[in-house]
Amino acid sequence: MTIKHPLRINYLLASKQAVTGAGIALLLLAVILLIVGEIKSWVYIPIITTSIGGACSGLFYYLAHDLFFKDHKYRNIINLFCRFCFLVIFWLSLVFALARVGLWD
């Protein structure tokens, strides 16, 4: 007897959303670093943590927008909520990284 999972996960689309989320997070971090102006060796920790946070938020976007609420009538509200969650996860991963290197008190 085998148990079948009721959700059909498209792993290619999920990985594409994760890479897109990580890319957007790295782009936002690059803008922040260009404003700061100086790049030193402590930058690698925020780069890693924000890319991981961006990938996780990309997976959250896939799960919420494309899998669970695919045929929902309030799709724009769900899209807006997913974007807000991306910004929150990006901010939390950036604060965590800056606290690790001692630049956030």
PDB file of N, CA and C in Angstrom:
ATOM      1  N   MET A   1       0.840  -1.177   0.000  1.00  0.00           N
ATOM      2  CA  MET A   1       0.000   0.000   0.000  1.00  0.00           C
ATOM      3  C   MET A   1       0.888   1.244   0.000  1.00  0.00           C
ATOM      4  N   THR A   2       0.619   2.141  -0.910  1.00  0.00           N
ATOM      5  CA  THR A   2       1.377   3.385  -0.986  1.00  0.00           C
ATOM      6  C   THR A   2       0.451   4.555  -0.699  1.00  0.00           C
ATOM      7  N   ILE A   3       1.014   5.561  -0.104  1.00  0.00           N
ATOM      8  CA  ILE A   3       0.265   6.774   0.200  1.00  0.00           C
ATOM      9  C   ILE A   3       0.674   7.829  -0.812  1.00  0.00           C
ATOM     10  N   LYS A   4      -0.296   8.396  -1.487  1.00  0.00           N
ATOM     11  CA  LYS A   4      -0.011   9.441  -2.463  1.00  0.00           C
ATOM     12  C   LYS A   4      -0.228  10.800  -1.836  1.00  0.00           C
ATOM     13  N   HIS A   5       0.684  11.688  -2.129  1.00  0.00           N
ATOM     14  CA  HIS A   5       0.592  13.048  -1.616  1.00  0.00           C
ATOM     15  C   HIS A   5      -0.415  13.824  -2.453  1.00  0.00           C
ATOM     16  N   PRO A   6      -1.340  14.560  -1.814  1.00  0.00           N
ATOM     17  CA  PRO A   6      -2.378  15.246  -2.598  1.00  0.00           C
ATOM     18  C   PRO A   6      -1.876  16.457  -3.384  1.00  0.00           C
ATOM     19  N   LEU A   7      -0.741  17.023  -3.022  1.00  0.00           N
ATOM     20  CA  LEU A   7      -0.217  18.201  -3.713  1.00  0.00           C
ATOM     21  C   LEU A   7       0.784  17.785  -4.788  1.00  0.00           C
ATOM     22  N   ARG A   8       0.656  18.378  -5.923  1.00  0.00           N
ATOM     23  CA  ARG A   8       1.608  18.145  -7.009  1.00  0.00           C
ATOM     24  C   ARG A   8       2.567  19.330  -7.049  1.00  0.00           C
ATOM     25  N   ILE A   9       3.763  19.122  -6.562  1.00  0.00           N
ATOM     26  CA  ILE A   9       4.752  20.188  -6.496  1.00  0.00           C
ATOM     27  C   ILE A   9       5.584  20.174  -7.763  1.00  0.00           C
ATOM     28  N   ASN A  10       5.664  21.316  -8.404  1.00  0.00           N
ATOM     29  CA  ASN A  10       6.499  21.490  -9.584  1.00  0.00           C
ATOM     30  C   ASN A  10       7.869  21.974  -9.095  1.00  0.00           C
ATOM     31  N   TYR A  11       8.813  21.065  -9.024  1.00  0.00           N
ATOM     32  CA  TYR A  11      10.115  21.385  -8.445  1.00  0.00           C
ATOM     33  C   TYR A  11      10.903  22.360  -9.311  1.00  0.00           C
ATOM     34  N   LEU A  12      10.698  22.324 -10.605  1.00  0.00           N
ATOM     35  CA  LEU A  12      11.389  23.258 -11.486  1.00  0.00           C
ATOM     36  C   LEU A  12      10.906  24.686 -11.240  1.00  0.00           C
ATOM     37  N   LEU A  13       9.602  24.873 -11.120  1.00  0.00           N
ATOM     38  CA  LEU A  13       9.061  26.200 -10.845  1.00  0.00           C
ATOM     39  C   LEU A  13       9.425  26.659  -9.432  1.00  0.00           C
ATOM     40  N   ALA A  14       9.428  25.736  -8.474  1.00  0.00           N
ATOM     41  CA  ALA A  14       9.805  26.099  -7.103  1.00  0.00           C
ATOM     42  C   ALA A  14      11.261  26.538  -7.038  1.00  0.00           C
ATOM     43  N   SER A  15      12.145  25.841  -7.734  1.00  0.00           N
ATOM     44  CA  SER A  15      13.555  26.244  -7.726  1.00  0.00           C
ATOM     45  C   SER A  15      13.750  27.554  -8.481  1.00  0.00           C
ATOM     46  N   LYS A  16      12.956  27.789  -9.532  1.00  0.00           N
ATOM     47  CA  LYS A  16      13.034  29.053 -10.249  1.00  0.00           C
ATOM     48  C   LYS A  16      12.604  30.208  -9.352  1.00  0.00           C
ATOM     49  N   GLN A  17      11.548  30.026  -8.567  1.00  0.00           N
ATOM     50  CA  GLN A  17      11.101  31.061  -7.644  1.00  0.00           C
ATOM     51  C   GLN A  17      12.138  31.298  -6.545  1.00  0.00           C
ATOM     52  N   ALA A  18      12.787  30.231  -6.075  1.00  0.00           N
ATOM     53  CA  ALA A  18      13.821  30.386  -5.045  1.00  0.00           C
ATOM     54  C   ALA A  18      15.024  31.157  -5.574  1.00  0.00           C
ATOM     55  N   VAL A  19      15.448  30.850  -6.792  1.00  0.00           N
ATOM     56  CA  VAL A  19      16.583  31.566  -7.385  1.00  0.00           C
ATOM     57  C   VAL A  19      16.211  33.019  -7.652  1.00  0.00           C
ATOM     58  N   THR A  20      14.977  33.260  -8.091  1.00  0.00           N
ATOM     59  CA  THR A  20      14.525  34.631  -8.316  1.00  0.00           C
ATOM     60  C   THR A  20      14.494  35.415  -7.011  1.00  0.00           C
ATOM     61  N   GLY A  21      14.001  34.803  -5.935  1.00  0.00           N
ATOM     62  CA  GLY A  21      13.978  35.470  -4.636  1.00  0.00           C
ATOM     63  C   GLY A  21      15.375  35.773  -4.125  1.00  0.00           C
ATOM     64  N   ALA A  22      16.294  34.835  -4.311  1.00  0.00           N
ATOM     65  CA  ALA A  22      17.676  35.075  -3.889  1.00  0.00           C
ATOM     66  C   ALA A  22      18.320  36.173  -4.729  1.00  0.00           C
ATOM     67  N   GLY A  23      18.013  36.205  -6.012  1.00  0.00           N
ATOM     68  CA  GLY A  23      18.561  37.248  -6.881  1.00  0.00           C
ATOM     69  C   GLY A  23      18.046  38.631  -6.524  1.00  0.00           C
ATOM     70  N   ILE A  24      16.771  38.734  -6.227  1.00  0.00           N
ATOM     71  CA  ILE A  24      16.206  40.028  -5.825  1.00  0.00           C
ATOM     72  C   ILE A  24      16.811  40.474  -4.505  1.00  0.00           C
ATOM     73  N   ALA A  25      16.986  39.541  -3.568  1.00  0.00           N
ATOM     74  CA  ALA A  25      17.598  39.890  -2.285  1.00  0.00           C
ATOM     75  C   ALA A  25      19.041  40.360  -2.472  1.00  0.00           C
ATOM     76  N   LEU A  26      19.780  39.697  -3.338  1.00  0.00           N
ATOM     77  CA  LEU A  26      21.156  40.125  -3.595  1.00  0.00           C
ATOM     78  C   LEU A  26      21.196  41.480  -4.291  1.00  0.00           C
ATOM     79  N   LEU A  27      20.235  41.736  -5.163  1.00  0.00           N
ATOM     80  CA  LEU A  27      20.166  43.037  -5.826  1.00  0.00           C
ATOM     81  C   LEU A  27      19.873  44.146  -4.812  1.00  0.00           C
ATOM     82  N   LEU A  28      18.946  43.907  -3.903  1.00  0.00           N
ATOM     83  CA  LEU A  28      18.655  44.900  -2.857  1.00  0.00           C
ATOM     84  C   LEU A  28      19.859  45.122  -1.948  1.00  0.00           C
ATOM     85  N   LEU A  29      20.560  44.037  -1.617  1.00  0.00           N
ATOM     86  CA  LEU A  29      21.759  44.165  -0.789  1.00  0.00           C
ATOM     87  C   LEU A  29      22.847  44.937  -1.528  1.00  0.00           C
ATOM     88  N   ALA A  30      22.979  44.733  -2.833  1.00  0.00           N
ATOM     89  CA  ALA A  30      23.965  45.472  -3.610  1.00  0.00           C
ATOM     90  C   ALA A  30      23.664  46.963  -3.621  1.00  0.00           C
ATOM     91  N   VAL A  31      22.376  47.310  -3.696  1.00  0.00           N
ATOM     92  CA  VAL A  31      22.000  48.730  -3.641  1.00  0.00           C
ATOM     93  C   VAL A  31      22.359  49.315  -2.281  1.00  0.00           C
ATOM     94  N   ILE A  32      22.095  48.571  -1.230  1.00  0.00           N
ATOM     95  CA  ILE A  32      22.431  49.049   0.124  1.00  0.00           C
ATOM     96  C   ILE A  32      23.943  49.209   0.268  1.00  0.00           C
ATOM     97  N   LEU A  33      24.711  48.250  -0.265  1.00  0.00           N
ATOM     98  CA  LEU A  33      26.167  48.338  -0.160  1.00  0.00           C
ATOM     99  C   LEU A  33      26.742  49.463  -1.015  1.00  0.00           C
ATOM    100  N   LEU A  34      26.101  49.759  -2.130  1.00  0.00           N
ATOM    101  CA  LEU A  34      26.557  50.894  -2.935  1.00  0.00           C
ATOM    102  C   LEU A  34      26.294  52.221  -2.231  1.00  0.00           C
ATOM    103  N   ILE A  35      25.230  52.283  -1.459  1.00  0.00           N
ATOM    104  CA  ILE A  35      24.950  53.496  -0.690  1.00  0.00           C
ATOM    105  C   ILE A  35      25.977  53.665   0.420  1.00  0.00           C
ATOM    106  N   VAL A  36      26.349  52.540   1.073  1.00  0.00           N
ATOM    107  CA  VAL A  36      27.352  52.599   2.142  1.00  0.00           C
ATOM    108  C   VAL A  36      28.696  53.013   1.565  1.00  0.00           C
ATOM    109  N   GLY A  37      29.079  52.436   0.440  1.00  0.00           N
ATOM    110  CA  GLY A  37      30.265  52.891  -0.256  1.00  0.00           C
ATOM    111  C   GLY A  37      31.518  52.066  -0.058  1.00  0.00           C
ATOM    112  N   GLU A  38      31.682  51.416   1.057  1.00  0.00           N
ATOM    113  CA  GLU A  38      32.900  50.652   1.280  1.00  0.00           C
ATOM    114  C   GLU A  38      32.554  49.172   1.429  1.00  0.00           C
ATOM    115  N   ILE A  39      33.308  48.344   0.763  1.00  0.00           N
ATOM    116  CA  ILE A  39      33.080  46.899   0.813  1.00  0.00           C
ATOM    117  C   ILE A  39      34.320  46.261   1.417  1.00  0.00           C
ATOM    118  N   LYS A  40      34.105  45.571   2.510  1.00  0.00           N
ATOM    119  CA  LYS A  40      35.209  44.907   3.212  1.00  0.00           C
ATOM    120  C   LYS A  40      34.902  43.424   3.322  1.00  0.00           C
ATOM    121  N   SER A  41      35.691  42.722   4.105  1.00  0.00           N
ATOM    122  CA  SER A  41      35.536  41.274   4.211  1.00  0.00           C
ATOM    123  C   SER A  41      34.303  40.858   5.017  1.00  0.00           C
ATOM    124  N   TRP A  42      33.700  41.763   5.792  1.00  0.00           N
ATOM    125  CA  TRP A  42      32.511  41.410   6.562  1.00  0.00           C
ATOM    126  C   TRP A  42      31.276  41.289   5.692  1.00  0.00           C
ATOM    127  N   VAL A  43      31.359  41.670   4.442  1.00  0.00           N
ATOM    128  CA  VAL A  43      30.207  41.688   3.543  1.00  0.00           C
ATOM    129  C   VAL A  43      29.740  40.277   3.185  1.00  0.00           C
ATOM    130  N   TYR A  44      30.610  39.285   3.289  1.00  0.00           N
ATOM    131  CA  TYR A  44      30.257  37.941   2.853  1.00  0.00           C
ATOM    132  C   TYR A  44      29.150  37.324   3.713  1.00  0.00           C
ATOM    133  N   ILE A  45      29.109  37.619   4.988  1.00  0.00           N
ATOM    134  CA  ILE A  45      28.056  37.076   5.851  1.00  0.00           C
ATOM    135  C   ILE A  45      26.688  37.641   5.469  1.00  0.00           C
ATOM    136  N   PRO A  46      26.515  38.954   5.276  1.00  0.00           N
ATOM    137  CA  PRO A  46      25.212  39.429   4.798  1.00  0.00           C
ATOM    138  C   PRO A  46      24.841  38.910   3.413  1.00  0.00           C
ATOM    139  N   ILE A  47      25.803  38.701   2.548  1.00  0.00           N
ATOM    140  CA  ILE A  47      25.498  38.168   1.219  1.00  0.00           C
ATOM    141  C   ILE A  47      24.915  36.759   1.333  1.00  0.00           C
ATOM    142  N   ILE A  48      25.507  35.946   2.170  1.00  0.00           N
ATOM    143  CA  ILE A  48      25.033  34.567   2.317  1.00  0.00           C
ATOM    144  C   ILE A  48      23.666  34.531   2.993  1.00  0.00           C
ATOM    145  N   THR A  49      23.503  35.271   4.090  1.00  0.00           N
ATOM    146  CA  THR A  49      22.231  35.183   4.815  1.00  0.00           C
ATOM    147  C   THR A  49      21.076  35.821   4.053  1.00  0.00           C
ATOM    148  N   THR A  50      21.316  36.912   3.356  1.00  0.00           N
ATOM    149  CA  THR A  50      20.214  37.503   2.594  1.00  0.00           C
ATOM    150  C   THR A  50      19.851  36.658   1.382  1.00  0.00           C
ATOM    151  N   SER A  51      20.816  35.983   0.787  1.00  0.00           N
ATOM    152  CA  SER A  51      20.466  35.101  -0.330  1.00  0.00           C
ATOM    153  C   SER A  51      19.674  33.889   0.159  1.00  0.00           C
ATOM    154  N   ILE A  52      20.007  33.363   1.334  1.00  0.00           N
ATOM    155  CA  ILE A  52      19.222  32.263   1.901  1.00  0.00           C
ATOM    156  C   ILE A  52      17.816  32.742   2.264  1.00  0.00           C
ATOM    157  N   GLY A  53      17.718  33.917   2.856  1.00  0.00           N
ATOM    158  CA  GLY A  53      16.400  34.477   3.166  1.00  0.00           C
ATOM    159  C   GLY A  53      15.583  34.749   1.913  1.00  0.00           C
ATOM    160  N   GLY A  54      16.225  35.233   0.862  1.00  0.00           N
ATOM    161  CA  GLY A  54      15.530  35.466  -0.400  1.00  0.00           C
ATOM    162  C   GLY A  54      15.048  34.175  -1.030  1.00  0.00           C
ATOM    163  N   ALA A  55      15.862  33.133  -0.954  1.00  0.00           N
ATOM    164  CA  ALA A  55      15.449  31.831  -1.493  1.00  0.00           C
ATOM    165  C   ALA A  55      14.267  31.268  -0.709  1.00  0.00           C
ATOM    166  N   CYS A  56      14.298  31.418   0.612  1.00  0.00           N
ATOM    167  CA  CYS A  56      13.169  30.943   1.431  1.00  0.00           C
ATOM    168  C   CYS A  56      11.900  31.728   1.126  1.00  0.00           C
ATOM    169  N   SER A  57      12.026  33.012   0.918  1.00  0.00           N
ATOM    170  CA  SER A  57      10.833  33.799   0.596  1.00  0.00           C
ATOM    171  C   SER A  57      10.351  33.498  -0.817  1.00  0.00           C
ATOM    172  N   GLY A  58      11.237  33.146  -1.738  1.00  0.00           N
ATOM    173  CA  GLY A  58      10.818  32.703  -3.057  1.00  0.00           C
ATOM    174  C   GLY A  58      10.045  31.396  -3.002  1.00  0.00           C
ATOM    175  N   LEU A  59      10.490  30.489  -2.143  1.00  0.00           N
ATOM    176  CA  LEU A  59       9.734  29.247  -1.940  1.00  0.00           C
ATOM    177  C   LEU A  59       8.389  29.520  -1.289  1.00  0.00           C
ATOM    178  N   PHE A  60       8.342  30.471  -0.352  1.00  0.00           N
ATOM    179  CA  PHE A  60       7.065  30.844   0.250  1.00  0.00           C
ATOM    180  C   PHE A  60       6.125  31.415  -0.801  1.00  0.00           C
ATOM    181  N   TYR A  61       6.661  32.222  -1.708  1.00  0.00           N
ATOM    182  CA  TYR A  61       5.841  32.778  -2.790  1.00  0.00           C
ATOM    183  C   TYR A  61       5.281  31.667  -3.670  1.00  0.00           C
ATOM    184  N   TYR A  62       6.110  30.691  -3.987  1.00  0.00           N
ATOM    185  CA  TYR A  62       5.626  29.575  -4.799  1.00  0.00           C
ATOM    186  C   TYR A  62       4.519  28.821  -4.082  1.00  0.00           C
ATOM    187  N   LEU A  63       4.745  28.522  -2.813  1.00  0.00           N
ATOM    188  CA  LEU A  63       3.746  27.752  -2.072  1.00  0.00           C
ATOM    189  C   LEU A  63       2.442  28.510  -1.907  1.00  0.00           C
ATOM    190  N   ALA A  64       2.524  29.791  -1.583  1.00  0.00           N
ATOM    191  CA  ALA A  64       1.305  30.556  -1.330  1.00  0.00           C
ATOM    192  C   ALA A  64       0.600  30.960  -2.617  1.00  0.00           C
ATOM    193  N   HIS A  65       1.350  31.451  -3.576  1.00  0.00           N
ATOM    194  CA  HIS A  65       0.747  32.028  -4.780  1.00  0.00           C
ATOM    195  C   HIS A  65       0.430  30.978  -5.840  1.00  0.00           C
ATOM    196  N   ASP A  66       1.338  30.059  -6.067  1.00  0.00           N
ATOM    197  CA  ASP A  66       1.183  29.129  -7.181  1.00  0.00           C
ATOM    198  C   ASP A  66       0.651  27.760  -6.793  1.00  0.00           C
ATOM    199  N   LEU A  67       0.690  27.398  -5.521  1.00  0.00           N
ATOM    200  CA  LEU A  67       0.280  26.054  -5.150  1.00  0.00           C
ATOM    201  C   LEU A  67      -1.007  26.056  -4.332  1.00  0.00           C
ATOM    202  N   PHE A  68      -1.025  26.773  -3.221  1.00  0.00           N
ATOM    203  CA  PHE A  68      -2.185  26.700  -2.338  1.00  0.00           C
ATOM    204  C   PHE A  68      -3.351  27.558  -2.819  1.00  0.00           C
ATOM    205  N   PHE A  69      -3.085  28.766  -3.292  1.00  0.00           N
ATOM    206  CA  PHE A  69      -4.150  29.692  -3.687  1.00  0.00           C
ATOM    207  C   PHE A  69      -4.121  29.958  -5.193  1.00  0.00           C
ATOM    208  N   LYS A  70      -3.974  28.926  -5.984  1.00  0.00           N
ATOM    209  CA  LYS A  70      -3.815  29.087  -7.423  1.00  0.00           C
ATOM    210  C   LYS A  70      -5.086  29.625  -8.085  1.00  0.00           C
ATOM    211  N   ASP A  71      -6.233  29.139  -7.698  1.00  0.00           N
ATOM    212  CA  ASP A  71      -7.486  29.543  -8.328  1.00  0.00           C
ATOM    213  C   ASP A  71      -8.346  30.392  -7.401  1.00  0.00           C
ATOM    214  N   HIS A  72      -7.715  31.138  -6.530  1.00  0.00           N
ATOM    215  CA  HIS A  72      -8.445  31.970  -5.581  1.00  0.00           C
ATOM    216  C   HIS A  72      -8.849  33.275  -6.256  1.00  0.00           C
ATOM    217  N   LYS A  73      -9.991  33.828  -5.854  1.00  0.00           N
ATOM    218  CA  LYS A  73     -10.463  35.036  -6.532  1.00  0.00           C
ATOM    219  C   LYS A  73      -9.755  36.301  -6.052  1.00  0.00           C
ATOM    220  N   TYR A  74      -9.107  36.278  -4.892  1.00  0.00           N
ATOM    221  CA  TYR A  74      -8.351  37.429  -4.391  1.00  0.00           C
ATOM    222  C   TYR A  74      -6.863  37.235  -4.652  1.00  0.00           C
ATOM    223  N   ARG A  75      -6.504  36.965  -5.864  1.00  0.00           N
ATOM    224  CA  ARG A  75      -5.111  36.659  -6.228  1.00  0.00           C
ATOM    225  C   ARG A  75      -4.202  37.869  -6.056  1.00  0.00           C
ATOM    226  N   ASN A  76      -4.691  39.072  -6.304  1.00  0.00           N
ATOM    227  CA  ASN A  76      -3.865  40.277  -6.155  1.00  0.00           C
ATOM    228  C   ASN A  76      -3.525  40.540  -4.691  1.00  0.00           C
ATOM    229  N   ILE A  77      -4.447  40.277  -3.800  1.00  0.00           N
ATOM    230  CA  ILE A  77      -4.181  40.461  -2.364  1.00  0.00           C
ATOM    231  C   ILE A  77      -3.148  39.439  -1.894  1.00  0.00           C
ATOM    232  N   ILE A  78      -3.254  38.220  -2.387  1.00  0.00           N
ATOM    233  CA  ILE A  78      -2.276  37.190  -2.035  1.00  0.00           C
ATOM    234  C   ILE A  78      -0.897  37.553  -2.568  1.00  0.00           C
ATOM    235  N   ASN A  79      -0.849  38.103  -3.777  1.00  0.00           N
ATOM    236  CA  ASN A  79       0.418  38.542  -4.361  1.00  0.00           C
ATOM    237  C   ASN A  79       1.031  39.671  -3.534  1.00  0.00           C
ATOM    238  N   LEU A  80       0.218  40.624  -3.112  1.00  0.00           N
ATOM    239  CA  LEU A  80       0.694  41.719  -2.272  1.00  0.00           C
ATOM    240  C   LEU A  80       1.193  41.209  -0.921  1.00  0.00           C
ATOM    241  N   PHE A  81       0.479  40.255  -0.340  1.00  0.00           N
ATOM    242  CA  PHE A  81       0.896  39.659   0.931  1.00  0.00           C
ATOM    243  C   PHE A  81       2.232  38.940   0.778  1.00  0.00           C
ATOM    244  N   CYS A  82       2.425  38.223  -0.327  1.00  0.00           N
ATOM    245  CA  CYS A  82       3.686  37.521  -0.559  1.00  0.00           C
ATOM    246  C   CYS A  82       4.846  38.494  -0.731  1.00  0.00           C
ATOM    247  N   ARG A  83       4.598  39.615  -1.372  1.00  0.00           N
ATOM    248  CA  ARG A  83       5.653  40.628  -1.513  1.00  0.00           C
ATOM    249  C   ARG A  83       5.999  41.257  -0.172  1.00  0.00           C
ATOM    250  N   PHE A  84       4.994  41.497   0.651  1.00  0.00           N
ATOM    251  CA  PHE A  84       5.250  42.022   1.993  1.00  0.00           C
ATOM    252  C   PHE A  84       6.058  41.018   2.812  1.00  0.00           C
ATOM    253  N   CYS A  85       5.720  39.737   2.711  1.00  0.00           N
ATOM    254  CA  CYS A  85       6.479  38.709   3.430  1.00  0.00           C
ATOM    255  C   CYS A  85       7.914  38.631   2.927  1.00  0.00           C
ATOM    256  N   PHE A  86       8.129  38.848   1.623  1.00  0.00           N
ATOM    257  CA  PHE A  86       9.496  38.880   1.093  1.00  0.00           C
ATOM    258  C   PHE A  86      10.300  39.996   1.742  1.00  0.00           C
ATOM    259  N   LEU A  87       9.699  41.181   1.837  1.00  0.00           N
ATOM    260  CA  LEU A  87      10.422  42.301   2.450  1.00  0.00           C
ATOM    261  C   LEU A  87      10.715  42.051   3.924  1.00  0.00           C
ATOM    262  N   VAL A  88       9.779  41.441   4.635  1.00  0.00           N
ATOM    263  CA  VAL A  88      10.000  41.133   6.054  1.00  0.00           C
ATOM    264  C   VAL A  88      11.117  40.108   6.209  1.00  0.00           C
ATOM    265  N   ILE A  89      11.095  39.052   5.402  1.00  0.00           N
ATOM    266  CA  ILE A  89      12.146  38.028   5.495  1.00  0.00           C
ATOM    267  C   ILE A  89      13.495  38.599   5.088  1.00  0.00           C
ATOM    268  N   PHE A  90      13.513  39.451   4.064  1.00  0.00           N
ATOM    269  CA  PHE A  90      14.769  40.105   3.664  1.00  0.00           C
ATOM    270  C   PHE A  90      15.306  40.973   4.795  1.00  0.00           C
ATOM    271  N   TRP A  91      14.432  41.771   5.413  1.00  0.00           N
ATOM    272  CA  TRP A  91      14.854  42.646   6.499  1.00  0.00           C
ATOM    273  C   TRP A  91      15.382  41.838   7.682  1.00  0.00           C
ATOM    274  N   LEU A  92      14.683  40.770   8.057  1.00  0.00           N
ATOM    275  CA  LEU A  92      15.125  39.956   9.184  1.00  0.00           C
ATOM    276  C   LEU A  92      16.463  39.266   8.897  1.00  0.00           C
ATOM    277  N   SER A  93      16.651  38.777   7.684  1.00  0.00           N
ATOM    278  CA  SER A  93      17.930  38.141   7.366  1.00  0.00           C
ATOM    279  C   SER A  93      19.060  39.167   7.324  1.00  0.00           C
ATOM    280  N   LEU A  94      18.770  40.382   6.870  1.00  0.00           N
ATOM    281  CA  LEU A  94      19.793  41.427   6.857  1.00  0.00           C
ATOM    282  C   LEU A  94      20.150  41.867   8.276  1.00  0.00           C
ATOM    283  N   VAL A  95      19.157  42.024   9.137  1.00  0.00           N
ATOM    284  CA  VAL A  95      19.423  42.393  10.534  1.00  0.00           C
ATOM    285  C   VAL A  95      20.207  41.290  11.231  1.00  0.00           C
ATOM    286  N   PHE A  96      19.843  40.033  10.973  1.00  0.00           N
ATOM    287  CA  PHE A  96      20.586  38.924  11.569  1.00  0.00           C
ATOM    288  C   PHE A  96      22.046  38.932  11.126  1.00  0.00           C
ATOM    289  N   ALA A  97      22.267  39.170   9.838  1.00  0.00           N
ATOM    290  CA  ALA A  97      23.642  39.178   9.325  1.00  0.00           C
ATOM    291  C   ALA A  97      24.436  40.336   9.903  1.00  0.00           C
ATOM    292  N   LEU A  98      23.827  41.512   9.963  1.00  0.00           N
ATOM    293  CA  LEU A  98      24.554  42.668  10.509  1.00  0.00           C
ATOM    294  C   LEU A  98      24.792  42.538  12.011  1.00  0.00           C
ATOM    295  N   ALA A  99      23.889  41.836  12.713  1.00  0.00           N
ATOM    296  CA  ALA A  99      24.118  41.585  14.141  1.00  0.00           C
ATOM    297  C   ALA A  99      25.262  40.582  14.337  1.00  0.00           C
ATOM    298  N   ARG A 100      25.395  39.642  13.420  1.00  0.00           N
ATOM    299  CA  ARG A 100      26.483  38.671  13.510  1.00  0.00           C
ATOM    300  C   ARG A 100      27.842  39.327  13.321  1.00  0.00           C
ATOM    301  N   VAL A 101      27.938  40.323  12.457  1.00  0.00           N
ATOM    302  CA  VAL A 101      29.231  40.968  12.209  1.00  0.00           C
ATOM    303  C   VAL A 101      29.452  42.156  13.120  1.00  0.00           C
ATOM    304  N   GLY A 102      28.476  42.486  13.963  1.00  0.00           N
ATOM    305  CA  GLY A 102      28.644  43.551  14.942  1.00  0.00           C
ATOM    306  C   GLY A 102      28.288  44.937  14.463  1.00  0.00           C
ATOM    307  N   LEU A 103      27.555  45.051  13.381  1.00  0.00           N
ATOM    308  CA  LEU A 103      27.183  46.369  12.869  1.00  0.00           C
ATOM    309  C   LEU A 103      25.747  46.766  13.207  1.00  0.00           C
ATOM    310  N   TRP A 104      25.034  45.900  13.921  1.00  0.00           N
ATOM    311  CA  TRP A 104      23.655  46.204  14.316  1.00  0.00           C
ATOM    312  C   TRP A 104      23.563  46.067  15.827  1.00  0.00           C
ATOM    313  N   ASP A 105      23.238  47.156  16.459  1.00  0.00           N
ATOM    314  CA  ASP A 105      23.132  47.128  17.931  1.00  0.00           C
ATOM    315  C   ASP A 105      21.699  47.197  18.370  1.00  0.00           C
TER     316      ASP A 105
END
